Each structure stands twice: as C-alpha cells, then as structure tokens.
PDB file of N, CA and C in Angstrom:
ATOM      1  N   MET A   1       0.744  -1.045   0.201  1.00  0.00           N
ATOM      2  CA  MET A   1       0.037   0.021  -0.078  1.00  0.00           C
ATOM      3  C   MET A   1       1.096   1.350  -0.126  1.00  0.00           C
ATOM      4  N   THR A   2       0.722   2.380  -0.760  1.00  0.00           N
ATOM      5  CA  THR A   2       1.405   3.213  -0.809  1.00  0.00           C
ATOM      6  C   THR A   2       0.399   4.431  -0.099  1.00  0.00           C
ATOM      7  N   THR A   3       1.351   5.532   0.596  1.00  0.00           N
ATOM      8  CA  THR A   3       0.642   6.607   1.101  1.00  0.00           C
ATOM      9  C   THR A   3       1.113   7.854   0.611  1.00  0.00           C
ATOM     10  N   THR A   4       0.277   8.815   0.749  1.00  0.00           N
ATOM     11  CA  THR A   4       0.715  10.256   0.400  1.00  0.00           C
ATOM     12  C   THR A   4       1.660  10.740   1.315  1.00  0.00           C
ATOM     13  N   PRO A   5       3.001  11.243   1.072  1.00  0.00           N
ATOM     14  CA  PRO A   5       3.795  11.885   2.048  1.00  0.00           C
ATOM     15  C   PRO A   5       3.104  12.955   2.853  1.00  0.00           C
ATOM     16  N   LEU A   6       3.789  13.033   3.961  1.00  0.00           N
ATOM     17  CA  LEU A   6       3.347  14.117   4.978  1.00  0.00           C
ATOM     18  C   LEU A   6       4.169  15.378   4.864  1.00  0.00           C
ATOM     19  N   THR A   7       4.396  15.847   3.510  1.00  0.00           N
ATOM     20  CA  THR A   7       4.979  17.219   3.341  1.00  0.00           C
ATOM     21  C   THR A   7       4.253  17.977   2.337  1.00  0.00           C
ATOM     22  N   PRO A   8       4.367  19.288   2.415  1.00  0.00           N
ATOM     23  CA  PRO A   8       3.384  20.198   1.568  1.00  0.00           C
ATOM     24  C   PRO A   8       3.823  19.723   0.144  1.00  0.00           C
ATOM     25  N   GLN A   9       2.714  19.853  -0.737  1.00  0.00           N
ATOM     26  CA  GLN A   9       2.924  19.601  -2.111  1.00  0.00           C
ATOM     27  C   GLN A   9       3.635  20.751  -2.883  1.00  0.00           C
ATOM     28  N   THR A  10       3.493  21.801  -2.411  1.00  0.00           N
ATOM     29  CA  THR A  10       4.205  22.773  -3.134  1.00  0.00           C
ATOM     30  C   THR A  10       5.118  23.712  -2.057  1.00  0.00           C
ATOM     31  N   PRO A  11       6.174  24.043  -2.671  1.00  0.00           N
ATOM     32  CA  PRO A  11       7.104  24.940  -1.570  1.00  0.00           C
ATOM     33  C   PRO A  11       6.345  26.362  -1.135  1.00  0.00           C
ATOM     34  N   LEU A  12       6.476  26.612   0.096  1.00  0.00           N
ATOM     35  CA  LEU A  12       5.994  28.157   0.524  1.00  0.00           C
ATOM     36  C   LEU A  12       7.406  28.967   0.286  1.00  0.00           C
ATOM     37  N   THR A  13       7.002  30.234  -0.077  1.00  0.00           N
ATOM     38  CA  THR A  13       7.853  31.340  -0.415  1.00  0.00           C
ATOM     39  C   THR A  13       7.504  32.394   0.598  1.00  0.00           C
ATOM     40  N   PRO A  14       8.507  33.156   0.846  1.00  0.00           N
ATOM     41  CA  PRO A  14       8.286  34.413   1.573  1.00  0.00           C
ATOM     42  C   PRO A  14       7.039  35.215   1.169  1.00  0.00           C
ATOM     43  N   GLN A  15       6.670  35.319  -0.088  1.00  0.00           N
ATOM     44  CA  GLN A  15       5.488  36.139  -0.550  1.00  0.00           C
ATOM     45  C   GLN A  15       4.332  35.466  -0.151  1.00  0.00           C
ATOM     46  N   ILE A  16       4.432  34.157  -0.366  1.00  0.00           N
ATOM     47  CA  ILE A  16       3.118  33.442   0.332  1.00  0.00           C
ATOM     48  C   ILE A  16       2.873  33.591   1.826  1.00  0.00           C
ATOM     49  N   LEU A  17       3.841  33.659   2.387  1.00  0.00           N
ATOM     50  CA  LEU A  17       3.874  33.463   3.933  1.00  0.00           C
ATOM     51  C   LEU A  17       3.744  34.950   4.341  1.00  0.00           C
ATOM     52  N   ASP A  18       3.647  35.948   3.672  1.00  0.00           N
ATOM     53  CA  ASP A  18       3.597  37.392   4.142  1.00  0.00           C
ATOM     54  C   ASP A  18       2.174  37.759   4.123  1.00  0.00           C
ATOM     55  N   THR A  19       1.311  37.311   5.008  1.00  0.00           N
ATOM     56  CA  THR A  19       0.027  37.295   4.839  1.00  0.00           C
ATOM     57  C   THR A  19      -0.509  38.065   6.346  1.00  0.00           C
ATOM     58  N   ARG A  20       0.356  38.792   7.243  1.00  0.00           N
ATOM     59  CA  ARG A  20       0.003  39.328   8.404  1.00  0.00           C
ATOM     60  C   ARG A  20      -1.299  40.477   8.181  1.00  0.00           C
ATOM     61  N   SER A  21      -1.455  41.116   7.100  1.00  0.00           N
ATOM     62  CA  SER A  21      -2.218  42.249   6.975  1.00  0.00           C
ATOM     63  C   SER A  21      -3.453  41.663   6.005  1.00  0.00           C
ATOM     64  N   THR A  22      -3.174  40.861   5.009  1.00  0.00           N
ATOM     65  CA  THR A  22      -4.356  40.356   4.413  1.00  0.00           C
ATOM     66  C   THR A  22      -4.188  38.922   4.018  1.00  0.00           C
ATOM     67  N   PRO A  23      -5.388  38.239   4.059  1.00  0.00           N
ATOM     68  CA  PRO A  23      -5.005  36.871   3.628  1.00  0.00           C
ATOM     69  C   PRO A  23      -4.710  36.526   2.018  1.00  0.00           C
ATOM     70  N   ASP A  24      -3.824  35.707   1.844  1.00  0.00           N
ATOM     71  CA  ASP A  24      -3.337  35.471   0.598  1.00  0.00           C
ATOM     72  C   ASP A  24      -3.975  34.437  -0.103  1.00  0.00           C
ATOM     73  N   THR A  25      -4.290  34.479  -1.206  1.00  0.00           N
ATOM     74  CA  THR A  25      -5.094  33.206  -1.884  1.00  0.00           C
ATOM     75  C   THR A  25      -3.995  32.135  -2.132  1.00  0.00           C
ATOM     76  N   ASP A  26      -2.763  32.403  -2.348  1.00  0.00           N
ATOM     77  CA  ASP A  26      -2.047  31.120  -2.758  1.00  0.00           C
ATOM     78  C   ASP A  26      -1.628  30.372  -1.203  1.00  0.00           C
ATOM     79  N   LEU A  27      -1.728  31.197  -0.287  1.00  0.00           N
ATOM     80  CA  LEU A  27      -1.608  30.341   0.987  1.00  0.00           C
ATOM     81  C   LEU A  27      -3.050  29.641   1.453  1.00  0.00           C
ATOM     82  N   PHE A  28      -3.920  30.106   1.191  1.00  0.00           N
ATOM     83  CA  PHE A  28      -5.243  29.625   1.465  1.00  0.00           C
ATOM     84  C   PHE A  28      -5.294  28.371   0.515  1.00  0.00           C
ATOM     85  N   ARG A  29      -5.070  28.354  -0.677  1.00  0.00           N
ATOM     86  CA  ARG A  29      -5.065  27.340  -1.568  1.00  0.00           C
ATOM     87  C   ARG A  29      -4.183  26.300  -1.112  1.00  0.00           C
ATOM     88  N   HIS A  30      -2.885  26.537  -0.534  1.00  0.00           N
ATOM     89  CA  HIS A  30      -1.834  25.592  -0.078  1.00  0.00           C
ATOM     90  C   HIS A  30      -2.505  25.015   1.008  1.00  0.00           C
ATOM     91  N   LEU A  31      -3.101  25.690   2.126  1.00  0.00           N
ATOM     92  CA  LEU A  31      -3.605  25.075   3.159  1.00  0.00           C
ATOM     93  C   LEU A  31      -4.818  24.067   2.769  1.00  0.00           C
ATOM     94  N   THR A  32      -5.554  24.707   1.810  1.00  0.00           N
ATOM     95  CA  THR A  32      -6.814  23.625   1.480  1.00  0.00           C
ATOM     96  C   THR A  32      -6.234  22.478   0.823  1.00  0.00           C
ATOM     97  N   ASP A  33      -5.050  22.564   0.028  1.00  0.00           N
ATOM     98  CA  ASP A  33      -4.449  21.397  -0.605  1.00  0.00           C
ATOM     99  C   ASP A  33      -4.068  20.323   0.666  1.00  0.00           C
ATOM    100  N   LEU A  34      -3.427  20.997   1.461  1.00  0.00           N
ATOM    101  CA  LEU A  34      -2.857  20.124   2.594  1.00  0.00           C
ATOM    102  C   LEU A  34      -4.062  19.363   3.473  1.00  0.00           C
ATOM    103  N   GLU A  35      -5.065  20.133   3.481  1.00  0.00           N
ATOM    104  CA  GLU A  35      -6.471  19.545   4.116  1.00  0.00           C
ATOM    105  C   GLU A  35      -6.811  18.390   3.421  1.00  0.00           C
ATOM    106  N   GLU A  36      -6.968  18.475   1.964  1.00  0.00           N
ATOM    107  CA  GLU A  36      -7.457  17.445   1.262  1.00  0.00           C
ATOM    108  C   GLU A  36      -6.484  16.179   1.121  1.00  0.00           C
ATOM    109  N   THR A  37      -5.134  16.580   1.047  1.00  0.00           N
ATOM    110  CA  THR A  37      -4.293  15.550   1.049  1.00  0.00           C
ATOM    111  C   THR A  37      -4.495  14.652   2.481  1.00  0.00           C
ATOM    112  N   ARG A  38      -4.537  15.485   3.554  1.00  0.00           N
ATOM    113  CA  ARG A  38      -4.559  14.670   5.066  1.00  0.00           C
ATOM    114  C   ARG A  38      -6.025  13.843   5.082  1.00  0.00           C
ATOM    115  N   SER A  39      -7.044  14.389   4.491  1.00  0.00           N
ATOM    116  CA  SER A  39      -8.182  13.681   4.511  1.00  0.00           C
ATOM    117  C   SER A  39      -8.118  12.464   3.748  1.00  0.00           C
ATOM    118  N   ARG A  40      -7.536  12.509   2.501  1.00  0.00           N
ATOM    119  CA  ARG A  40      -7.346  11.289   1.734  1.00  0.00           C
ATOM    120  C   ARG A  40      -6.391  10.339   2.513  1.00  0.00           C
ATOM    121  N   GLN A  41      -5.497  10.879   3.199  1.00  0.00           N
ATOM    122  CA  GLN A  41      -4.764   9.805   3.820  1.00  0.00           C
ATOM    123  C   GLN A  41      -5.407   9.155   4.983  1.00  0.00           C
ATOM    124  N   LEU A  42      -6.165   9.762   5.729  1.00  0.00           N
ATOM    125  CA  LEU A  42      -6.993   9.253   6.788  1.00  0.00           C
ATOM    126  C   LEU A  42      -8.112   8.321   6.121  1.00  0.00           C
ATOM    127  N   GLN A  43      -8.366   8.671   4.973  1.00  0.00           N
ATOM    128  CA  GLN A  43      -9.532   7.565   4.360  1.00  0.00           C
ATOM    129  C   GLN A  43      -8.713   6.298   3.909  1.00  0.00           C
ATOM    130  N   ALA A  44      -7.359   6.613   3.515  1.00  0.00           N
ATOM    131  CA  ALA A  44      -6.798   5.274   3.191  1.00  0.00           C
ATOM    132  C   ALA A  44      -6.210   4.490   4.284  1.00  0.00           C
ATOM    133  N   LEU A  45      -6.079   5.179   5.483  1.00  0.00           N
ATOM    134  CA  LEU A  45      -5.693   4.342   6.575  1.00  0.00           C
ATOM    135  C   LEU A  45      -6.823   4.135   7.484  1.00  0.00           C
ATOM    136  N   SER A  46      -8.037   4.137   7.089  1.00  0.00           N
ATOM    137  CA  SER A  46      -9.145   3.573   8.029  1.00  0.00           C
ATOM    138  C   SER A  46      -9.371   2.151   8.150  1.00  0.00           C
ATOM    139  N   GLY A  47     -10.003   1.863   9.128  1.00  0.00           N
ATOM    140  CA  GLY A  47     -10.228   0.295   9.499  1.00  0.00           C
ATOM    141  C   GLY A  47      -9.765  -0.081  10.799  1.00  0.00           C
ATOM    142  N   ALA A  48     -10.409  -1.009  11.151  1.00  0.00           N
ATOM    143  CA  ALA A  48     -10.014  -1.548  12.630  1.00  0.00           C
ATOM    144  C   ALA A  48      -8.721  -2.309  12.565  1.00  0.00           C
ATOM    145  N   ASP A  49      -8.216  -2.832  11.468  1.00  0.00           N
ATOM    146  CA  ASP A  49      -7.234  -3.888  11.496  1.00  0.00           C
ATOM    147  C   ASP A  49      -5.814  -3.123  11.429  1.00  0.00           C
ATOM    148  N   LEU A  50      -5.630  -2.028  11.854  1.00  0.00           N
ATOM    149  CA  LEU A  50      -4.471  -1.314  11.653  1.00  0.00           C
ATOM    150  C   LEU A  50      -3.211  -1.660  12.578  1.00  0.00           C
ATOM    151  N   ASP A  51      -1.989  -2.022  12.147  1.00  0.00           N
ATOM    152  CA  ASP A  51      -1.040  -2.331  12.659  1.00  0.00           C
ATOM    153  C   ASP A  51      -0.495  -1.134  13.407  1.00  0.00           C
ATOM    154  N   ALA A  52       0.578  -1.270  14.379  1.00  0.00           N
ATOM    155  CA  ALA A  52       1.044  -0.176  15.080  1.00  0.00           C
ATOM    156  C   ALA A  52       1.636   0.927  14.197  1.00  0.00           C
ATOM    157  N   VAL A  53       2.270   0.711  13.144  1.00  0.00           N
ATOM    158  CA  VAL A  53       2.939   1.681  12.243  1.00  0.00           C
ATOM    159  C   VAL A  53       1.906   2.539  11.553  1.00  0.00           C
ATOM    160  N   ARG A  54       0.702   1.613  11.010  1.00  0.00           N
ATOM    161  CA  ARG A  54      -0.489   2.388  10.257  1.00  0.00           C
ATOM    162  C   ARG A  54      -1.280   3.281  11.433  1.00  0.00           C
ATOM    163  N   SER A  55      -1.522   2.750  12.547  1.00  0.00           N
ATOM    164  CA  SER A  55      -2.031   3.459  13.498  1.00  0.00           C
ATOM    165  C   SER A  55      -1.287   4.871  13.997  1.00  0.00           C
ATOM    166  N   ALA A  56       0.005   4.814  14.056  1.00  0.00           N
ATOM    167  CA  ALA A  56       0.843   5.834  14.275  1.00  0.00           C
ATOM    168  C   ALA A  56       0.669   7.009  13.113  1.00  0.00           C
ATOM    169  N   ARG A  57       0.527   6.432  11.749  1.00  0.00           N
ATOM    170  CA  ARG A  57       0.634   7.321  10.706  1.00  0.00           C
ATOM    171  C   ARG A  57      -0.907   7.891  10.682  1.00  0.00           C
ATOM    172  N   ARG A  58      -1.929   7.281  11.101  1.00  0.00           N
ATOM    173  CA  ARG A  58      -3.226   7.704  10.973  1.00  0.00           C
ATOM    174  C   ARG A  58      -3.210   8.900  12.146  1.00  0.00           C
ATOM    175  N   ALA A  59      -2.650   8.621  13.249  1.00  0.00           N
ATOM    176  CA  ALA A  59      -2.901   9.633  14.421  1.00  0.00           C
ATOM    177  C   ALA A  59      -2.030  10.822  14.066  1.00  0.00           C
ATOM    178  N   ARG A  60      -0.893  10.648  13.348  1.00  0.00           N
ATOM    179  CA  ARG A  60      -0.092  11.787  12.881  1.00  0.00           C
ATOM    180  C   ARG A  60      -1.049  12.647  11.728  1.00  0.00           C
ATOM    181  N   ALA A  61      -1.615  11.817  10.733  1.00  0.00           N
ATOM    182  CA  ALA A  61      -2.359  12.567   9.679  1.00  0.00           C
ATOM    183  C   ALA A  61      -3.642  13.244  10.444  1.00  0.00           C
ATOM    184  N   GLN A  62      -4.324  12.573  11.489  1.00  0.00           N
ATOM    185  CA  GLN A  62      -5.355  13.151  12.004  1.00  0.00           C
ATOM    186  C   GLN A  62      -4.753  14.652  12.818  1.00  0.00           C
ATOM    187  N   ARG A  63      -3.649  14.643  13.417  1.00  0.00           N
ATOM    188  CA  ARG A  63      -3.266  15.778  14.204  1.00  0.00           C
ATOM    189  C   ARG A  63      -2.748  16.794  13.043  1.00  0.00           C
ATOM    190  N   ASP A  64      -2.235  16.499  12.069  1.00  0.00           N
ATOM    191  CA  ASP A  64      -2.063  17.600  10.861  1.00  0.00           C
ATOM    192  C   ASP A  64      -2.968  18.125  10.397  1.00  0.00           C
ATOM    193  N   LEU A  65      -4.143  17.207  10.020  1.00  0.00           N
ATOM    194  CA  LEU A  65      -5.417  17.708   9.451  1.00  0.00           C
ATOM    195  C   LEU A  65      -5.983  18.683  10.558  1.00  0.00           C
ATOM    196  N   GLN A  66      -6.020  18.546  11.749  1.00  0.00           N
ATOM    197  CA  GLN A  66      -6.611  19.482  12.701  1.00  0.00           C
ATOM    198  C   GLN A  66      -5.656  20.694  12.809  1.00  0.00           C
ATOM    199  N   ASP A  67      -4.257  20.586  12.697  1.00  0.00           N
ATOM    200  CA  ASP A  67      -3.695  21.580  12.774  1.00  0.00           C
ATOM    201  C   ASP A  67      -3.795  22.629  11.390  1.00  0.00           C
ATOM    202  N   VAL A  68      -3.983  22.075  10.172  1.00  0.00           N
ATOM    203  CA  VAL A  68      -4.208  22.748   8.934  1.00  0.00           C
ATOM    204  C   VAL A  68      -5.550  23.343   9.155  1.00  0.00           C
ATOM    205  N   ARG A  69      -6.578  22.711   9.590  1.00  0.00           N
ATOM    206  CA  ARG A  69      -7.884  23.450   9.760  1.00  0.00           C
ATOM    207  C   ARG A  69      -7.929  24.533  10.785  1.00  0.00           C
ATOM    208  N   THR A  70      -6.852  24.463  11.720  1.00  0.00           N
ATOM    209  CA  THR A  70      -6.837  25.653  12.843  1.00  0.00           C
ATOM    210  C   THR A  70      -6.102  26.778  11.969  1.00  0.00           C
ATOM    211  N   ALA A  71      -5.228  26.550  11.189  1.00  0.00           N
ATOM    212  CA  ALA A  71      -4.484  27.324  10.358  1.00  0.00           C
ATOM    213  C   ALA A  71      -5.319  28.160   9.423  1.00  0.00           C
ATOM    214  N   LEU A  72      -6.253  27.516   8.787  1.00  0.00           N
ATOM    215  CA  LEU A  72      -7.290  27.990   7.769  1.00  0.00           C
ATOM    216  C   LEU A  72      -8.029  28.819   8.565  1.00  0.00           C
ATOM    217  N   ALA A  73      -8.608  28.499   9.695  1.00  0.00           N
ATOM    218  CA  ALA A  73      -9.459  29.372  10.669  1.00  0.00           C
ATOM    219  C   ALA A  73      -8.873  30.527  11.073  1.00  0.00           C
ATOM    220  N   ARG A  74      -7.285  30.560  11.507  1.00  0.00           N
ATOM    221  CA  ARG A  74      -6.587  31.606  11.764  1.00  0.00           C
ATOM    222  C   ARG A  74      -6.474  32.672  10.556  1.00  0.00           C
ATOM    223  N   LEU A  75      -6.146  31.945   9.484  1.00  0.00           N
ATOM    224  CA  LEU A  75      -6.073  32.834   8.376  1.00  0.00           C
ATOM    225  C   LEU A  75      -7.450  33.477   8.053  1.00  0.00           C
ATOM    226  N   GLY A  76      -8.378  33.092   8.158  1.00  0.00           N
ATOM    227  CA  GLY A  76      -9.883  33.516   8.080  1.00  0.00           C
ATOM    228  C   GLY A  76     -10.154  34.843   9.013  1.00  0.00           C
ATOM    229  N   GLU A  77      -9.470  34.567  10.098  1.00  0.00           N
ATOM    230  CA  GLU A  77      -9.800  35.642  11.296  1.00  0.00           C
ATOM    231  C   GLU A  77      -8.464  36.535  11.302  1.00  0.00           C
ATOM    232  N   GLY A  78      -7.577  36.600  10.340  1.00  0.00           N
ATOM    233  CA  GLY A  78      -6.648  37.465  10.221  1.00  0.00           C
ATOM    234  C   GLY A  78      -5.510  37.238  11.103  1.00  0.00           C
ATOM    235  N   ARG A  79      -5.390  36.088  11.879  1.00  0.00           N
ATOM    236  CA  ARG A  79      -4.519  35.781  13.071  1.00  0.00           C
ATOM    237  C   ARG A  79      -3.268  34.920  12.444  1.00  0.00           C
ATOM    238  N   TYR A  80      -3.309  34.542  11.093  1.00  0.00           N
ATOM    239  CA  TYR A  80      -2.268  33.494  10.741  1.00  0.00           C
ATOM    240  C   TYR A  80      -0.861  34.205  10.790  1.00  0.00           C
ATOM    241  N   GLY A  81       0.085  33.603  11.382  1.00  0.00           N
ATOM    242  CA  GLY A  81       1.333  34.021  11.518  1.00  0.00           C
ATOM    243  C   GLY A  81       1.630  34.852  12.669  1.00  0.00           C
ATOM    244  N   ILE A  82       0.683  34.870  13.763  1.00  0.00           N
ATOM    245  CA  ILE A  82       0.774  35.476  14.895  1.00  0.00           C
ATOM    246  C   ILE A  82       0.831  34.289  16.099  1.00  0.00           C
ATOM    247  N   CYS A  83       1.822  34.212  16.863  1.00  0.00           N
ATOM    248  CA  CYS A  83       2.047  33.457  17.920  1.00  0.00           C
ATOM    249  C   CYS A  83       0.922  33.423  18.909  1.00  0.00           C
ATOM    250  N   THR A  84       0.320  32.261  19.340  1.00  0.00           N
ATOM    251  CA  THR A  84      -0.900  32.096  20.224  1.00  0.00           C
ATOM    252  C   THR A  84      -0.313  32.370  21.691  1.00  0.00           C
ATOM    253  N   GLY A  85       1.046  32.262  21.945  1.00  0.00           N
ATOM    254  CA  GLY A  85       1.423  32.405  23.089  1.00  0.00           C
ATOM    255  C   GLY A  85       1.869  33.787  23.491  1.00  0.00           C
ATOM    256  N   CYS A  86       2.573  34.488  22.647  1.00  0.00           N
ATOM    257  CA  CYS A  86       2.879  36.032  22.988  1.00  0.00           C
ATOM    258  C   CYS A  86       2.433  36.862  22.007  1.00  0.00           C
ATOM    259  N   ASP A  87       1.686  36.547  20.983  1.00  0.00           N
ATOM    260  CA  ASP A  87       1.062  37.668  20.125  1.00  0.00           C
ATOM    261  C   ASP A  87       2.148  38.386  19.355  1.00  0.00           C
ATOM    262  N   ARG A  88       3.098  37.734  19.197  1.00  0.00           N
ATOM    263  CA  ARG A  88       4.250  38.307  18.196  1.00  0.00           C
ATOM    264  C   ARG A  88       4.301  37.489  16.832  1.00  0.00           C
ATOM    265  N   PRO A  89       4.741  38.153  15.752  1.00  0.00           N
ATOM    266  CA  PRO A  89       4.780  37.656  14.551  1.00  0.00           C
ATOM    267  C   PRO A  89       5.696  36.204  14.635  1.00  0.00           C
ATOM    268  N   ILE A  90       5.229  35.062  13.823  1.00  0.00           N
ATOM    269  CA  ILE A  90       5.965  33.759  13.908  1.00  0.00           C
ATOM    270  C   ILE A  90       6.916  34.118  12.481  1.00  0.00           C
ATOM    271  N   SER A  91       8.252  33.614  12.665  1.00  0.00           N
ATOM    272  CA  SER A  91       9.089  33.943  11.652  1.00  0.00           C
ATOM    273  C   SER A  91       8.766  33.165  10.467  1.00  0.00           C
ATOM    274  N   ALA A  92       9.088  33.794   9.247  1.00  0.00           N
ATOM    275  CA  ALA A  92       8.692  33.330   8.158  1.00  0.00           C
ATOM    276  C   ALA A  92       9.460  31.855   7.767  1.00  0.00           C
ATOM    277  N   GLN A  93      10.765  31.698   8.351  1.00  0.00           N
ATOM    278  CA  GLN A  93      11.242  30.493   8.364  1.00  0.00           C
ATOM    279  C   GLN A  93      10.713  29.688   9.045  1.00  0.00           C
ATOM    280  N   ARG A  94       9.849  29.717  10.144  1.00  0.00           N
ATOM    281  CA  ARG A  94       9.443  28.656  10.859  1.00  0.00           C
ATOM    282  C   ARG A  94       8.118  28.272  10.077  1.00  0.00           C
ATOM    283  N   LEU A  95       7.260  29.329   9.425  1.00  0.00           N
ATOM    284  CA  LEU A  95       6.281  28.898   8.772  1.00  0.00           C
ATOM    285  C   LEU A  95       6.591  28.277   7.400  1.00  0.00           C
ATOM    286  N   GLU A  96       7.774  28.540   6.974  1.00  0.00           N
ATOM    287  CA  GLU A  96       8.196  27.682   5.629  1.00  0.00           C
ATOM    288  C   GLU A  96       8.299  26.090   6.115  1.00  0.00           C
ATOM    289  N   LEU A  97       8.876  25.823   7.334  1.00  0.00           N
ATOM    290  CA  LEU A  97       8.994  24.471   7.723  1.00  0.00           C
ATOM    291  C   LEU A  97       7.704  23.836   8.082  1.00  0.00           C
ATOM    292  N   ARG A  98       6.754  24.685   8.745  1.00  0.00           N
ATOM    293  CA  ARG A  98       5.449  24.030   9.170  1.00  0.00           C
ATOM    294  C   ARG A  98       4.399  25.173   9.126  1.00  0.00           C
ATOM    295  N   CYS A  99       3.708  25.340   7.967  1.00  0.00           N
ATOM    296  CA  CYS A  99       2.857  26.226   7.556  1.00  0.00           C
ATOM    297  C   CYS A  99       1.745  26.355   8.535  1.00  0.00           C
ATOM    298  N   TRP A 100       1.342  25.343   9.150  1.00  0.00           N
ATOM    299  CA  TRP A 100       0.264  25.466  10.270  1.00  0.00           C
ATOM    300  C   TRP A 100       0.638  25.530  11.652  1.00  0.00           C
ATOM    301  N   THR A 101       2.070  25.916  11.921  1.00  0.00           N
ATOM    302  CA  THR A 101       2.312  26.133  13.393  1.00  0.00           C
ATOM    303  C   THR A 101       1.505  27.421  13.905  1.00  0.00           C
ATOM    304  N   THR A 102       1.280  27.487  14.978  1.00  0.00           N
ATOM    305  CA  THR A 102       0.564  28.555  15.676  1.00  0.00           C
ATOM    306  C   THR A 102       1.547  29.162  16.873  1.00  0.00           C
ATOM    307  N   THR A 103       2.703  28.703  16.930  1.00  0.00           N
ATOM    308  CA  THR A 103       3.699  29.381  17.971  1.00  0.00           C
ATOM    309  C   THR A 103       5.056  29.706  17.430  1.00  0.00           C
ATOM    310  N   CYS A 104       5.670  30.602  17.921  1.00  0.00           N
ATOM    311  CA  CYS A 104       7.015  31.092  17.544  1.00  0.00           C
ATOM    312  C   CYS A 104       7.966  30.118  18.456  1.00  0.00           C
ATOM    313  N   VAL A 105       9.072  30.223  17.938  1.00  0.00           N
ATOM    314  CA  VAL A 105      10.172  29.258  18.331  1.00  0.00           C
ATOM    315  C   VAL A 105      10.366  29.281  20.049  1.00  0.00           C
ATOM    316  N   ASP A 106      10.354  30.453  20.429  1.00  0.00           N
ATOM    317  CA  ASP A 106      10.691  30.529  21.756  1.00  0.00           C
ATOM    318  C   ASP A 106       9.342  29.829  22.640  1.00  0.00           C
ATOM    319  N   CYS A 107       8.099  30.258  22.029  1.00  0.00           N
ATOM    320  CA  CYS A 107       7.097  29.551  22.776  1.00  0.00           C
ATOM    321  C   CYS A 107       6.862  28.263  22.677  1.00  0.00           C
ATOM    322  N   ALA A 108       7.330  27.567  21.536  1.00  0.00           N
ATOM    323  CA  ALA A 108       7.392  26.309  21.272  1.00  0.00           C
ATOM    324  C   ALA A 108       8.369  25.638  22.234  1.00  0.00           C
ATOM    325  N   ASP A 109       9.422  26.409  22.386  1.00  0.00           N
ATOM    326  CA  ASP A 109      10.538  25.700  23.237  1.00  0.00           C
ATOM    327  C   ASP A 109      10.087  25.665  24.811  1.00  0.00           C
ATOM    328  N   ARG A 110       9.365  26.786  25.139  1.00  0.00           N
ATOM    329  CA  ARG A 110       8.850  26.764  26.575  1.00  0.00           C
ATOM    330  C   ARG A 110       7.850  25.655  26.822  1.00  0.00           C
ATOM    331  N   ALA A 111       7.060  25.483  25.745  1.00  0.00           N
ATOM    332  CA  ALA A 111       5.971  24.279  25.918  1.00  0.00           C
ATOM    333  C   ALA A 111       6.344  22.948  25.888  1.00  0.00           C
ATOM    334  N   ALA A 112       7.629  22.954  25.221  1.00  0.00           N
ATOM    335  CA  ALA A 112       8.339  21.869  25.234  1.00  0.00           C
ATOM    336  C   ALA A 112       8.802  21.069  26.387  1.00  0.00           C
ATOM    337  N   ARG A 113       9.087  22.144  27.327  1.00  0.00           N
ATOM    338  CA  ARG A 113       9.884  21.755  28.654  1.00  0.00           C
ATOM    339  C   ARG A 113       9.030  21.236  29.561  1.00  0.00           C
TER     340      ARG A 113
END
C-alpha cells in the first residue's frame, strides 16, 4: 500500500507567507490542498485492523489535519502567522517549515519543557 507523503505539495515562499495584513489566496490554496491530502490519507488508513505503524501514521495525519484546519481558521480571522503564546509574529522561516504552526520558536521551546 502506498501513502501520500506528509510534506507540503508545493514549496512555500516568503511572498506566500507574508499574509499578516491580508489573507493570501496562494496560502489559502496551499492550506486547503494540505487539508485535502490529509483527509485522503485518513481515508486510506481507515479500518479496525491497523497495525502499530499504520495506527501511528493515522494519528499523525489526524493531528496534521486538525492543525491545518486551525491554520485555515486563523487565516480567515486575520491571525495567521501570529503566535498564540505571545502575540508576536512567527518567523517566515518557521512558517516555511511548518505552515500550520501557531507558535513562535520561543513559545514552542517553553511548551516542550
């Protein structure tokens, strides 16, 4: 069985990520593409007979799907790219790596401890 990779389908660029003042249609499209991909992954991994690896992949896809949906909601609210911990902008580099993140590096480090 083949699965869709858990990576964005298209690379994010600083122009796509610079949406703090107005939502960007490319970013919205990218996030909706990710949402669709994760939904397909969950459908492909459904069933009660999941082994441990497939079960872990399913859990990861579920978390990613929820995170992408949260990012879409934040984009619609005009809060995309703003840290939920400190209300400061999240760096473009961090958003390039994980476009659905809701925290800056400092707040993520604090939460991990």
